[in-house]
Protein backbone atom coordinates (compact mmCIF):
# COMPACT_ATOMS: atom_id res chain seq x y z
CA MET A 1 -22.40 88.35 -38.24
CA ALA A 2 -21.77 84.62 -38.40
CA ASN A 3 -18.25 83.19 -38.45
CA VAL A 4 -17.39 81.91 -41.95
CA ILE A 5 -15.37 78.68 -41.89
CA ASP A 6 -15.63 77.84 -45.60
CA PRO A 7 -15.01 80.73 -48.02
CA ASN A 8 -16.95 78.80 -50.70
CA PHE A 9 -20.09 78.46 -48.54
CA ALA A 10 -22.33 80.28 -51.04
CA ASP A 11 -21.42 77.91 -53.87
CA ARG A 12 -22.05 74.87 -51.65
CA VAL A 13 -25.43 76.23 -50.55
CA HIS A 14 -26.54 77.01 -54.12
CA GLU A 15 -25.40 73.58 -55.34
CA SER A 16 -27.33 71.89 -52.54
CA PHE A 17 -30.44 73.94 -53.27
CA GLU A 18 -30.28 72.84 -56.92
CA ARG A 19 -30.30 69.18 -55.80
CA GLN A 20 -33.36 69.68 -53.60
CA ASN A 21 -36.16 68.47 -55.85
CA VAL A 22 -38.92 69.76 -53.59
CA MET A 23 -37.74 73.32 -54.17
CA HIS A 24 -38.11 72.83 -57.93
CA LEU A 25 -41.50 71.21 -57.41
CA ILE A 26 -42.88 74.22 -55.53
CA ARG A 27 -41.04 76.77 -57.76
CA ALA A 28 -38.94 78.22 -54.93
CA THR A 29 -35.75 80.23 -55.47
CA LEU A 30 -32.76 81.08 -53.27
CA PRO A 31 -31.80 84.70 -54.12
CA VAL A 32 -29.96 85.52 -50.87
CA VAL A 33 -27.04 83.55 -49.38
CA GLU A 34 -24.91 85.44 -46.85
CA PRO A 35 -22.94 84.34 -43.80
CA GLY A 36 -25.50 83.08 -41.29
CA ARG A 37 -28.47 84.18 -43.41
CA THR A 38 -30.49 83.07 -46.45
CA GLU A 39 -33.78 83.85 -48.15
CA ILE A 40 -36.08 81.55 -50.08
CA HIS A 41 -38.75 83.13 -52.28
CA LEU A 42 -41.88 81.29 -53.33
CA PRO A 43 -44.40 82.59 -55.86
CA HIS A 44 -48.04 82.09 -54.90
CA TRP A 45 -49.54 79.74 -57.47
CA VAL A 46 -52.45 77.30 -57.46
CA GLY A 47 -50.20 74.25 -56.92
CA VAL A 48 -49.20 75.37 -53.40
CA GLU A 49 -52.65 76.48 -52.20
CA GLN A 50 -54.89 74.95 -49.59
CA GLN A 51 -58.70 74.94 -49.75
CA HIS A 52 -59.10 78.65 -48.82
CA GLY A 53 -56.66 79.86 -51.46
CA PHE A 54 -53.78 80.57 -49.06
CA VAL A 55 -50.36 78.93 -49.40
CA HIS A 56 -50.60 75.65 -47.48
CA GLY A 57 -49.02 75.59 -44.01
CA GLY A 58 -46.95 72.56 -44.99
CA VAL A 59 -45.40 74.54 -47.83
CA VAL A 60 -44.77 77.46 -45.46
CA GLY A 61 -42.99 74.98 -43.15
CA THR A 62 -40.98 73.61 -46.06
CA ILE A 63 -39.52 76.96 -47.07
CA ALA A 64 -38.93 78.00 -43.44
CA ASP A 65 -37.09 74.72 -42.74
CA SER A 66 -34.91 75.08 -45.82
CA ALA A 67 -34.15 78.79 -45.36
CA ALA A 68 -32.99 78.24 -41.78
CA GLY A 69 -31.17 75.03 -42.69
CA TYR A 70 -29.27 76.75 -45.46
CA ALA A 71 -28.41 79.60 -43.10
CA ALA A 72 -26.83 76.94 -40.87
CA MET A 73 -24.99 75.46 -43.83
CA THR A 74 -23.21 78.78 -44.38
CA VAL A 75 -21.32 78.38 -41.07
CA VAL A 76 -20.16 74.74 -41.24
CA PRO A 77 -16.91 73.37 -42.70
CA ALA A 78 -16.79 72.28 -46.36
CA ASN A 79 -16.58 68.60 -45.36
CA ALA A 80 -19.79 68.75 -43.29
CA SER A 81 -23.49 68.79 -44.02
CA VAL A 82 -26.53 69.73 -41.97
CA LEU A 83 -29.77 68.01 -41.02
CA THR A 84 -32.84 69.34 -39.24
CA VAL A 85 -33.52 67.50 -35.99
CA GLU A 86 -36.34 69.67 -34.65
CA TYR A 87 -38.39 72.74 -35.35
CA LYS A 88 -41.34 74.54 -33.88
CA MET A 89 -43.40 76.88 -35.99
CA ASN A 90 -46.17 79.34 -35.26
CA LEU A 91 -48.49 80.17 -38.14
CA MET A 92 -49.45 83.73 -37.28
CA ALA A 93 -51.45 84.93 -40.30
CA PRO A 94 -52.71 83.42 -43.56
CA ALA A 95 -49.97 83.01 -46.16
CA ASP A 96 -51.79 85.30 -48.58
CA GLY A 97 -49.81 87.33 -51.08
CA GLU A 98 -48.17 87.35 -54.50
CA LYS A 99 -45.15 85.60 -53.00
CA LEU A 100 -43.70 84.37 -49.73
CA ILE A 101 -40.25 85.26 -48.44
CA ALA A 102 -38.64 82.92 -45.89
CA ARG A 103 -35.70 84.55 -44.11
CA GLY A 104 -33.46 82.08 -42.30
CA GLU A 105 -30.86 83.13 -39.76
CA VAL A 106 -28.34 81.47 -37.45
CA VAL A 107 -29.12 82.33 -33.83
CA ARG A 108 -26.33 80.30 -32.22
CA PRO A 109 -23.68 78.42 -34.18
CA GLY A 110 -22.12 75.36 -32.61
CA ARG A 111 -19.85 72.47 -33.53
CA THR A 112 -22.56 69.82 -33.14
CA LEU A 113 -25.84 71.75 -32.94
CA ILE A 114 -26.85 75.03 -34.53
CA VAL A 115 -29.93 76.97 -33.42
CA THR A 116 -31.65 78.89 -36.20
CA LYS A 117 -34.81 80.83 -36.81
CA ALA A 118 -36.92 81.65 -39.84
CA GLU A 119 -39.54 84.27 -40.44
CA VAL A 120 -41.92 83.85 -43.36
CA PHE A 121 -43.53 86.95 -44.83
CA ALA A 122 -46.39 87.20 -47.32
CA LEU A 123 -45.77 90.00 -49.81
CA LYS A 124 -49.02 91.58 -51.02
CA ASP A 125 -49.39 94.94 -52.75
CA GLY A 126 -45.81 95.84 -51.79
CA ARG A 127 -46.39 95.18 -48.09
CA GLU A 128 -44.86 92.35 -46.03
CA THR A 129 -46.97 90.56 -43.42
CA LEU A 130 -45.31 88.15 -40.99
CA CYS A 131 -47.22 84.91 -41.41
CA ALA A 132 -44.95 82.35 -39.70
CA LEU A 133 -42.17 82.22 -37.13
CA MET A 134 -40.00 79.15 -36.67
CA GLN A 135 -37.20 78.08 -34.33
CA GLN A 136 -35.06 75.14 -35.38
CA THR A 137 -32.24 72.89 -34.21
CA ILE A 138 -29.76 71.68 -36.82
CA MET A 139 -27.33 68.80 -36.42
CA VAL A 140 -23.89 69.22 -38.03
CA MET A 141 -22.73 66.00 -39.67
CA HIS A 142 -18.93 66.31 -39.80
CA GLY A 143 -17.20 64.28 -42.50
CA LYS A 144 -20.50 63.59 -44.27
CA THR A 145 -21.12 65.56 -47.43
CA GLU A 146 -24.34 65.48 -49.44
CA LYS A 147 -24.98 62.98 -52.25
């Protein structure tokens, strides 16, 4: 379990998510916010599809980046914010299902850098298929809160 520095981390994460216009644009939700862990859910709809009818890899990357980034945000002080500085993602199967679930998790918390991971699953007919795996580095920006 991740070390909680700010007891109001869940409120901060939800408030930040509400300000992230891209999440509204793609119809994503944030139903899970726990210490060191979050989930973003994305319904499969025509606006996020690529030419084969799967959810576009760029959209898969977007929800993976945000899920892992918000997981990192759960372990930083209230007067800090987080920013992705690097990620590497493997697309392992087509993002084909009724919805996608991006599960972000803190792998190693740190004062300056936080290493996270995200797994993205396609949910189809009640079955989850791992479609993407991401590792990410997050920079902690102390004394800099979001707009």
